[in-house]
Amino acid sequence: MSDTALGPGPGSVDLAALAQEVRRQLAAIEHATEVMLGTVESFDDLSVGQPSLLDGWSRAHVITHLARNADGCTNLLIWARTGIEHPMYSSGDDRDEAIDEGAVHSHRLLVEDLAAASQRFATSARALPTQAWTAELYDAIGDPMPAHHTLRARLLEVWVHTVDLDHDIDFASIPPAHSEQLLEDVTQSFGGRPDVPALSLEVDFGTHRRTWELRGTTERPSKVSGEPGPMLGWLLGRTGPEELTGDPPELPEWP
């Protein structure tokens, strides 16, 4: 659901619609979290130390990052509930240090840490009053956002980094309803960047098609089409454009 539908501020928000959207997002996160934890559980002390799809990061780094991101999102919900500024992380250096420290933990500690952090976030989200989801917060890079966007951000983190664990989940494994939202969020983030080439993306979801226009430059847009999984993987820099059709250009690195 877009901000336009919900309105720009508490006075114009349809709280019933917002509550319904929050429930939908929480159900999506719950499903993605189950998949994520199942994947992490399947590892052992040897396999968590093996490389992930992220350059320089082992699977243990990715698992710890997922846990700290859950805690960072919980911090944002504390901010939304109390009105007192509570950023995701005390600093970027502290976040990076926590990930490096966690990356040397045993498989069992990694599983327990991720499960506990995910549960803390879920508990905080379920308890947050509907009105609090309209609070304005700042994300990890300092951009303003309504509190309910924390849910969209968490869903993206869980799915993308579960794929980064390079085990039994790829972008084609993501349910179409989830991948459509992820594509919407990724294209929106890319759309305003001047280093992104002009693109017209058409994605076939089986039951329907969606088109997104990215106008990062004034050039004539390159047309690219395909299924949700390959499109997401390409936009996020995890896979090449081999399964897409059209004229896929070089893309800048995803944040």
C-alpha atoms as a PDB file:
ATOM      1  CA  MET A   1       0.000   0.000   0.000  1.00  0.00           C
ATOM      2  CA  SER A   2       1.417   3.376  -0.928  1.00  0.00           C
ATOM      3  CA  ASP A   3       1.819   6.399   1.280  1.00  0.00           C
ATOM      4  CA  THR A   4      -0.681   8.214  -0.909  1.00  0.00           C
ATOM      5  CA  ALA A   5      -3.334   5.676  -0.008  1.00  0.00           C
ATOM      6  CA  LEU A   6      -2.577   6.002   3.648  1.00  0.00           C
ATOM      7  CA  GLY A   7      -2.138   9.755   3.584  1.00  0.00           C
ATOM      8  CA  PRO A   8       0.888  11.886   4.452  1.00  0.00           C
ATOM      9  CA  GLY A   9       0.202  12.273   8.172  1.00  0.00           C
ATOM     10  CA  PRO A  10      -1.787  10.950  11.107  1.00  0.00           C
ATOM     11  CA  GLY A  11      -4.690  13.304  10.435  1.00  0.00           C
ATOM     12  CA  SER A  12      -5.399  11.831   6.999  1.00  0.00           C
ATOM     13  CA  VAL A  13      -4.543   8.170   7.574  1.00  0.00           C
ATOM     14  CA  ASP A  14      -7.250   5.537   7.292  1.00  0.00           C
ATOM     15  CA  LEU A  15      -6.363   3.639  10.455  1.00  0.00           C
ATOM     16  CA  ALA A  16      -8.534   0.645   9.600  1.00  0.00           C
ATOM     17  CA  ALA A  17      -6.757   0.257   6.252  1.00  0.00           C
ATOM     18  CA  LEU A  18      -3.408   0.743   7.955  1.00  0.00           C
ATOM     19  CA  ALA A  19      -4.190  -1.940  10.543  1.00  0.00           C
ATOM     20  CA  GLN A  20      -5.110  -4.343   7.757  1.00  0.00           C
ATOM     21  CA  GLU A  21      -1.886  -3.544   5.900  1.00  0.00           C
ATOM     22  CA  VAL A  22       0.172  -4.100   9.052  1.00  0.00           C
ATOM     23  CA  ARG A  23      -1.443  -7.511   9.544  1.00  0.00           C
ATOM     24  CA  ARG A  24      -0.667  -8.434   5.946  1.00  0.00           C
ATOM     25  CA  GLN A  25       2.949  -7.358   6.270  1.00  0.00           C
ATOM     26  CA  LEU A  26       3.396  -9.213   9.554  1.00  0.00           C
ATOM     27  CA  ALA A  27       2.035 -12.414   8.009  1.00  0.00           C
ATOM     28  CA  ALA A  28       4.479 -12.037   5.105  1.00  0.00           C
ATOM     29  CA  ILE A  29       7.393 -11.472   7.496  1.00  0.00           C
ATOM     30  CA  GLU A  30       6.350 -14.482   9.578  1.00  0.00           C
ATOM     31  CA  HIS A  31       6.432 -16.718   6.500  1.00  0.00           C
ATOM     32  CA  ALA A  32       9.768 -15.331   5.284  1.00  0.00           C
ATOM     33  CA  THR A  33      11.235 -15.710   8.780  1.00  0.00           C
ATOM     34  CA  GLU A  34      10.207 -19.372   8.929  1.00  0.00           C
ATOM     35  CA  VAL A  35      11.997 -19.985   5.633  1.00  0.00           C
ATOM     36  CA  MET A  36      15.053 -18.050   6.828  1.00  0.00           C
ATOM     37  CA  LEU A  37      15.290 -19.937  10.135  1.00  0.00           C
ATOM     38  CA  GLY A  38      14.772 -23.272   8.397  1.00  0.00           C
ATOM     39  CA  THR A  39      17.669 -22.496   6.083  1.00  0.00           C
ATOM     40  CA  VAL A  40      19.932 -21.424   8.954  1.00  0.00           C
ATOM     41  CA  GLU A  41      19.003 -24.508  10.991  1.00  0.00           C
ATOM     42  CA  SER A  42      20.121 -26.741   8.123  1.00  0.00           C
ATOM     43  CA  PHE A  43      23.734 -25.593   8.433  1.00  0.00           C
ATOM     44  CA  ASP A  44      26.400 -26.835  10.840  1.00  0.00           C
ATOM     45  CA  ASP A  45      29.588 -25.396  12.317  1.00  0.00           C
ATOM     46  CA  LEU A  46      31.513 -26.047   9.116  1.00  0.00           C
ATOM     47  CA  SER A  47      28.970 -24.761   6.602  1.00  0.00           C
ATOM     48  CA  VAL A  48      28.230 -21.475   8.411  1.00  0.00           C
ATOM     49  CA  GLY A  49      31.864 -20.523   7.875  1.00  0.00           C
ATOM     50  CA  GLN A  50      31.638 -20.994   4.115  1.00  0.00           C
ATOM     51  CA  PRO A  51      31.276 -18.008   1.750  1.00  0.00           C
ATOM     52  CA  SER A  52      27.904 -16.378   1.154  1.00  0.00           C
ATOM     53  CA  LEU A  53      26.911 -14.616  -2.049  1.00  0.00           C
ATOM     54  CA  LEU A  54      28.155 -11.347  -0.515  1.00  0.00           C
ATOM     55  CA  ASP A  55      31.793 -10.622  -1.234  1.00  0.00           C
ATOM     56  CA  GLY A  56      33.925 -10.950   1.885  1.00  0.00           C
ATOM     57  CA  TRP A  57      31.107 -12.270   4.065  1.00  0.00           C
ATOM     58  CA  SER A  58      30.665 -15.824   5.280  1.00  0.00           C
ATOM     59  CA  ARG A  59      27.229 -17.249   5.946  1.00  0.00           C
ATOM     60  CA  ALA A  60      27.830 -16.475   9.618  1.00  0.00           C
ATOM     61  CA  HIS A  61      28.279 -12.785   8.740  1.00  0.00           C
ATOM     62  CA  VAL A  62      24.957 -12.795   6.894  1.00  0.00           C
ATOM     63  CA  ILE A  63      23.158 -14.594   9.729  1.00  0.00           C
ATOM     64  CA  THR A  64      24.493 -12.127  12.289  1.00  0.00           C
ATOM     65  CA  HIS A  65      23.550  -9.209  10.046  1.00  0.00           C
ATOM     66  CA  LEU A  66      19.990 -10.536   9.852  1.00  0.00           C
ATOM     67  CA  ALA A  67      19.841 -10.725  13.651  1.00  0.00           C
ATOM     68  CA  ARG A  68      21.210  -7.211  14.155  1.00  0.00           C
ATOM     69  CA  ASN A  69      18.837  -5.860  11.508  1.00  0.00           C
ATOM     70  CA  ALA A  70      15.921  -7.368  13.433  1.00  0.00           C
ATOM     71  CA  ASP A  71      17.150  -5.619  16.572  1.00  0.00           C
ATOM     72  CA  GLY A  72      17.596  -2.388  14.607  1.00  0.00           C
ATOM     73  CA  CYS A  73      14.009  -2.605  13.381  1.00  0.00           C
ATOM     74  CA  THR A  74      12.871  -3.234  16.950  1.00  0.00           C
ATOM     75  CA  ASN A  75      14.679  -0.034  17.953  1.00  0.00           C
ATOM     76  CA  LEU A  76      12.648   1.853  15.365  1.00  0.00           C
ATOM     77  CA  LEU A  77       9.428   0.437  16.809  1.00  0.00           C
ATOM     78  CA  ILE A  78      10.482   1.676  20.264  1.00  0.00           C
ATOM     79  CA  TRP A  79      10.878   5.120  18.664  1.00  0.00           C
ATOM     80  CA  ALA A  80       7.410   4.838  17.091  1.00  0.00           C
ATOM     81  CA  ARG A  81       5.827   3.740  20.370  1.00  0.00           C
ATOM     82  CA  THR A  82       7.499   6.274  22.670  1.00  0.00           C
ATOM     83  CA  GLY A  83       8.118   9.237  20.384  1.00  0.00           C
ATOM     84  CA  ILE A  84      11.692   9.357  21.685  1.00  0.00           C
ATOM     85  CA  GLU A  85      14.377   9.086  19.013  1.00  0.00           C
ATOM     86  CA  HIS A  86      15.817   5.571  18.990  1.00  0.00           C
ATOM     87  CA  PRO A  87      17.900   4.978  15.838  1.00  0.00           C
ATOM     88  CA  MET A  88      18.407   1.556  14.304  1.00  0.00           C
ATOM     89  CA  TYR A  89      22.080   1.459  15.246  1.00  0.00           C
ATOM     90  CA  SER A  90      24.187   3.581  17.564  1.00  0.00           C
ATOM     91  CA  SER A  91      26.640   3.943  14.673  1.00  0.00           C
ATOM     92  CA  GLY A  92      27.687   2.199  11.498  1.00  0.00           C
ATOM     93  CA  ASP A  93      30.965   1.195  13.107  1.00  0.00           C
ATOM     94  CA  ASP A  94      29.183  -0.426  16.054  1.00  0.00           C
ATOM     95  CA  ARG A  95      26.921  -2.352  13.675  1.00  0.00           C
ATOM     96  CA  ASP A  96      29.876  -3.602  11.648  1.00  0.00           C
ATOM     97  CA  GLU A  97      31.762  -4.572  14.798  1.00  0.00           C
ATOM     98  CA  ALA A  98      28.770  -6.536  16.091  1.00  0.00           C
ATOM     99  CA  ILE A  99      28.549  -8.429  12.789  1.00  0.00           C
ATOM    100  CA  ASP A 100      32.254  -9.286  12.852  1.00  0.00           C
ATOM    101  CA  GLU A 101      31.966 -10.502  16.444  1.00  0.00           C
ATOM    102  CA  GLY A 102      28.937 -12.638  15.683  1.00  0.00           C
ATOM    103  CA  ALA A 103      30.572 -14.186  12.623  1.00  0.00           C
ATOM    104  CA  VAL A 104      32.875 -16.293  14.800  1.00  0.00           C
ATOM    105  CA  HIS A 105      30.049 -17.816  16.863  1.00  0.00           C
ATOM    106  CA  SER A 106      29.085 -21.470  16.674  1.00  0.00           C
ATOM    107  CA  HIS A 107      26.188 -22.579  14.507  1.00  0.00           C
ATOM    108  CA  ARG A 108      23.951 -23.146  17.530  1.00  0.00           C
ATOM    109  CA  LEU A 109      24.623 -19.654  18.937  1.00  0.00           C
ATOM    110  CA  LEU A 110      23.936 -18.114  15.537  1.00  0.00           C
ATOM    111  CA  VAL A 111      20.596 -19.919  15.285  1.00  0.00           C
ATOM    112  CA  GLU A 112      19.562 -18.914  18.806  1.00  0.00           C
ATOM    113  CA  ASP A 113      20.624 -15.295  18.272  1.00  0.00           C
ATOM    114  CA  LEU A 114      18.688 -14.970  15.013  1.00  0.00           C
ATOM    115  CA  ALA A 115      15.586 -16.684  16.376  1.00  0.00           C
ATOM    116  CA  ALA A 116      15.567 -14.508  19.500  1.00  0.00           C
ATOM    117  CA  ALA A 117      16.109 -11.250  17.588  1.00  0.00           C
ATOM    118  CA  SER A 118      13.373 -12.171  15.110  1.00  0.00           C
ATOM    119  CA  GLN A 119      10.982 -12.943  17.955  1.00  0.00           C
ATOM    120  CA  ARG A 120      11.759  -9.649  19.697  1.00  0.00           C
ATOM    121  CA  PHE A 121      10.875  -7.789  16.525  1.00  0.00           C
ATOM    122  CA  ALA A 122       7.681  -9.793  15.959  1.00  0.00           C
ATOM    123  CA  THR A 123       6.530  -9.246  19.549  1.00  0.00           C
ATOM    124  CA  SER A 124       7.191  -5.495  19.370  1.00  0.00           C
ATOM    125  CA  ALA A 125       5.410  -5.195  16.023  1.00  0.00           C
ATOM    126  CA  ARG A 126       2.317  -7.066  17.181  1.00  0.00           C
ATOM    127  CA  ALA A 127       2.049  -4.909  20.297  1.00  0.00           C
ATOM    128  CA  LEU A 128       2.456  -1.559  18.530  1.00  0.00           C
ATOM    129  CA  PRO A 129      -0.771   0.500  18.486  1.00  0.00           C
ATOM    130  CA  THR A 130      -2.099   1.276  15.020  1.00  0.00           C
ATOM    131  CA  GLN A 131      -1.647   5.033  15.448  1.00  0.00           C
ATOM    132  CA  ALA A 132       2.044   4.540  16.233  1.00  0.00           C
ATOM    133  CA  TRP A 133       2.621   3.071  12.771  1.00  0.00           C
ATOM    134  CA  THR A 134       2.090   6.592  11.368  1.00  0.00           C
ATOM    135  CA  ALA A 135       5.080   8.044  13.268  1.00  0.00           C
ATOM    136  CA  GLU A 136       7.881   9.518  11.186  1.00  0.00           C
ATOM    137  CA  LEU A 137      11.252   7.843  11.732  1.00  0.00           C
ATOM    138  CA  TYR A 138      14.610   7.793  10.006  1.00  0.00           C
ATOM    139  CA  ASP A 139      16.092   4.706   8.428  1.00  0.00           C
ATOM    140  CA  ALA A 140      19.689   3.505   8.799  1.00  0.00           C
ATOM    141  CA  ILE A 141      21.011   6.043   6.284  1.00  0.00           C
ATOM    142  CA  GLY A 142      19.021   8.944   7.692  1.00  0.00           C
ATOM    143  CA  ASP A 143      16.135   9.105   5.235  1.00  0.00           C
ATOM    144  CA  PRO A 144      12.676   9.835   6.705  1.00  0.00           C
ATOM    145  CA  MET A 145       9.985   7.174   6.520  1.00  0.00           C
ATOM    146  CA  PRO A 146       6.687   6.316   8.229  1.00  0.00           C
ATOM    147  CA  ALA A 147       7.003   3.611  10.870  1.00  0.00           C
ATOM    148  CA  HIS A 148       4.957   1.118   8.837  1.00  0.00           C
ATOM    149  CA  HIS A 149       7.706   1.070   6.200  1.00  0.00           C
ATOM    150  CA  THR A 150       9.858  -0.729   8.767  1.00  0.00           C
ATOM    151  CA  LEU A 151       7.828  -3.841   7.917  1.00  0.00           C
ATOM    152  CA  ARG A 152       8.524  -3.562   4.200  1.00  0.00           C
ATOM    153  CA  ALA A 153      12.203  -3.015   4.882  1.00  0.00           C
ATOM    154  CA  ARG A 154      12.408  -6.076   7.130  1.00  0.00           C
ATOM    155  CA  LEU A 155      10.682  -8.285   4.571  1.00  0.00           C
ATOM    156  CA  LEU A 156      13.200  -7.213   1.932  1.00  0.00           C
ATOM    157  CA  GLU A 157      16.131  -7.898   4.263  1.00  0.00           C
ATOM    158  CA  VAL A 158      14.890 -11.357   5.213  1.00  0.00           C
ATOM    159  CA  TRP A 159      14.273 -12.583   1.678  1.00  0.00           C
ATOM    160  CA  VAL A 160      17.350 -11.070   0.045  1.00  0.00           C
ATOM    161  CA  HIS A 161      19.781 -12.242   2.696  1.00  0.00           C
ATOM    162  CA  THR A 162      18.212 -15.683   2.907  1.00  0.00           C
ATOM    163  CA  VAL A 163      19.080 -15.984  -0.775  1.00  0.00           C
ATOM    164  CA  ASP A 164      22.569 -14.651   0.043  1.00  0.00           C
ATOM    165  CA  LEU A 165      23.097 -17.684   2.290  1.00  0.00           C
ATOM    166  CA  ASP A 166      23.493 -19.605  -0.994  1.00  0.00           C
ATOM    167  CA  HIS A 167      21.813 -22.812   0.063  1.00  0.00           C
ATOM    168  CA  ASP A 168      18.347 -24.002  -0.998  1.00  0.00           C
ATOM    169  CA  ILE A 169      16.524 -20.682  -1.530  1.00  0.00           C
ATOM    170  CA  ASP A 170      16.791 -18.451  -4.584  1.00  0.00           C
ATOM    171  CA  PHE A 171      14.768 -15.478  -5.799  1.00  0.00           C
ATOM    172  CA  ALA A 172      12.391 -17.772  -7.688  1.00  0.00           C
ATOM    173  CA  SER A 173      11.496 -19.328  -4.305  1.00  0.00           C
ATOM    174  CA  ILE A 174       9.907 -16.091  -3.084  1.00  0.00           C
ATOM    175  CA  PRO A 175       6.071 -16.120  -3.249  1.00  0.00           C
ATOM    176  CA  PRO A 176       4.779 -13.914  -6.093  1.00  0.00           C
ATOM    177  CA  ALA A 177       2.884 -11.601  -3.730  1.00  0.00           C
ATOM    178  CA  HIS A 178       6.089 -10.982  -1.786  1.00  0.00           C
ATOM    179  CA  SER A 179       8.289 -10.590  -4.857  1.00  0.00           C
ATOM    180  CA  GLU A 180       5.894  -8.015  -6.314  1.00  0.00           C
ATOM    181  CA  GLN A 181       6.248  -5.868  -3.213  1.00  0.00           C
ATOM    182  CA  LEU A 182      10.025  -6.334  -3.168  1.00  0.00           C
ATOM    183  CA  LEU A 183      10.261  -5.275  -6.814  1.00  0.00           C
ATOM    184  CA  GLU A 184       8.120  -2.237  -6.056  1.00  0.00           C
ATOM    185  CA  ASP A 185      10.417  -1.203  -3.215  1.00  0.00           C
ATOM    186  CA  VAL A 186      13.643  -1.894  -5.122  1.00  0.00           C
ATOM    187  CA  THR A 187      12.517   0.006  -8.218  1.00  0.00           C
ATOM    188  CA  GLN A 188      11.344   2.917  -6.086  1.00  0.00           C
ATOM    189  CA  SER A 189      14.754   3.101  -4.413  1.00  0.00           C
ATOM    190  CA  PHE A 190      16.521   2.945  -7.762  1.00  0.00           C
ATOM    191  CA  GLY A 191      14.151   5.298  -9.564  1.00  0.00           C
ATOM    192  CA  GLY A 192      15.437   8.610  -8.270  1.00  0.00           C
ATOM    193  CA  ARG A 193      19.152   7.862  -8.535  1.00  0.00           C
ATOM    194  CA  PRO A 194      21.053   9.736 -11.268  1.00  0.00           C
ATOM    195  CA  ASP A 195      23.476   6.815 -11.691  1.00  0.00           C
ATOM    196  CA  VAL A 196      20.671   4.446 -12.697  1.00  0.00           C
ATOM    197  CA  PRO A 197      20.038   4.144 -16.440  1.00  0.00           C
ATOM    198  CA  ALA A 198      16.529   4.771 -17.740  1.00  0.00           C
ATOM    199  CA  LEU A 199      14.647   1.470 -17.649  1.00  0.00           C
ATOM    200  CA  SER A 200      11.239   0.081 -18.514  1.00  0.00           C
ATOM    201  CA  LEU A 201      10.713  -3.179 -16.643  1.00  0.00           C
ATOM    202  CA  GLU A 202       7.906  -5.625 -17.402  1.00  0.00           C
ATOM    203  CA  VAL A 203       7.432  -8.531 -14.998  1.00  0.00           C
ATOM    204  CA  ASP A 204       5.173 -11.525 -15.588  1.00  0.00           C
ATOM    205  CA  PHE A 205       3.637 -12.758 -12.311  1.00  0.00           C
ATOM    206  CA  GLY A 206       1.607 -15.484 -13.994  1.00  0.00           C
ATOM    207  CA  THR A 207      -1.797 -14.072 -13.125  1.00  0.00           C
ATOM    208  CA  HIS A 208      -0.893 -10.540 -14.229  1.00  0.00           C
ATOM    209  CA  ARG A 209       1.922  -8.327 -15.486  1.00  0.00           C
ATOM    210  CA  ARG A 210       3.413  -5.217 -13.911  1.00  0.00           C
ATOM    211  CA  THR A 211       5.493  -2.479 -15.502  1.00  0.00           C
ATOM    212  CA  TRP A 212       7.860  -0.144 -13.714  1.00  0.00           C
ATOM    213  CA  GLU A 213       9.546   2.889 -15.242  1.00  0.00           C
ATOM    214  CA  LEU A 214      12.928   3.940 -13.849  1.00  0.00           C
ATOM    215  CA  ARG A 215      13.924   7.380 -15.028  1.00  0.00           C
ATOM    216  CA  GLY A 216      17.315   7.849 -13.431  1.00  0.00           C
ATOM    217  CA  THR A 217      18.481   9.663 -16.575  1.00  0.00           C
ATOM    218  CA  THR A 218      16.832  11.431 -19.500  1.00  0.00           C
ATOM    219  CA  GLU A 219      17.964   8.758 -21.971  1.00  0.00           C
ATOM    220  CA  ARG A 220      15.528   6.585 -23.870  1.00  0.00           C
ATOM    221  CA  PRO A 221      14.690   3.690 -21.504  1.00  0.00           C
ATOM    222  CA  SER A 222      16.059   0.218 -22.089  1.00  0.00           C
ATOM    223  CA  LYS A 223      13.237  -2.347 -22.096  1.00  0.00           C
ATOM    224  CA  VAL A 224      13.767  -5.444 -19.960  1.00  0.00           C
ATOM    225  CA  SER A 225      11.222  -8.164 -19.233  1.00  0.00           C
ATOM    226  CA  GLY A 226      11.107 -11.443 -17.365  1.00  0.00           C
ATOM    227  CA  GLU A 227       9.820 -13.333 -14.361  1.00  0.00           C
ATOM    228  CA  PRO A 228       9.974 -11.936 -10.814  1.00  0.00           C
ATOM    229  CA  GLY A 229      12.877 -14.040  -9.514  1.00  0.00           C
ATOM    230  CA  PRO A 230      15.378 -13.303 -12.283  1.00  0.00           C
ATOM    231  CA  MET A 231      14.346  -9.634 -12.321  1.00  0.00           C
ATOM    232  CA  LEU A 232      14.901  -9.254  -8.583  1.00  0.00           C
ATOM    233  CA  GLY A 233      18.225 -11.070  -8.719  1.00  0.00           C
ATOM    234  CA  TRP A 234      19.444  -8.831 -11.538  1.00  0.00           C
ATOM    235  CA  LEU A 235      18.298  -5.549  -9.967  1.00  0.00           C
ATOM    236  CA  LEU A 236      19.933  -6.497  -6.669  1.00  0.00           C
ATOM    237  CA  GLY A 237      23.190  -7.476  -8.357  1.00  0.00           C
ATOM    238  CA  ARG A 238      22.996 -11.124  -7.281  1.00  0.00           C
ATOM    239  CA  THR A 239      22.532 -12.646 -10.728  1.00  0.00           C
ATOM    240  CA  GLY A 240      23.165 -11.731 -14.339  1.00  0.00           C
ATOM    241  CA  PRO A 241      20.508 -10.853 -16.917  1.00  0.00           C
ATOM    242  CA  GLU A 242      20.698 -14.181 -18.759  1.00  0.00           C
ATOM    243  CA  GLU A 243      17.107 -15.154 -17.921  1.00  0.00           C
ATOM    244  CA  LEU A 244      15.730 -11.758 -18.931  1.00  0.00           C
ATOM    245  CA  THR A 245      14.803 -10.510 -22.373  1.00  0.00           C
ATOM    246  CA  GLY A 246      15.366  -7.120 -23.928  1.00  0.00           C
ATOM    247  CA  ASP A 247      18.440  -4.964 -23.538  1.00  0.00           C
ATOM    248  CA  PRO A 248      19.541  -5.079 -19.884  1.00  0.00           C
ATOM    249  CA  PRO A 249      22.101  -2.316 -19.190  1.00  0.00           C
ATOM    250  CA  GLU A 250      24.812  -2.262 -16.548  1.00  0.00           C
ATOM    251  CA  LEU A 251      23.368  -1.300 -13.171  1.00  0.00           C
ATOM    252  CA  PRO A 252      25.072   0.451 -10.259  1.00  0.00           C
ATOM    253  CA  GLU A 253      25.620  -1.498  -7.065  1.00  0.00           C
ATOM    254  CA  TRP A 254      22.620  -2.029  -4.846  1.00  0.00           C
ATOM    255  CA  PRO A 255      23.105  -0.345  -1.436  1.00  0.00           C
END
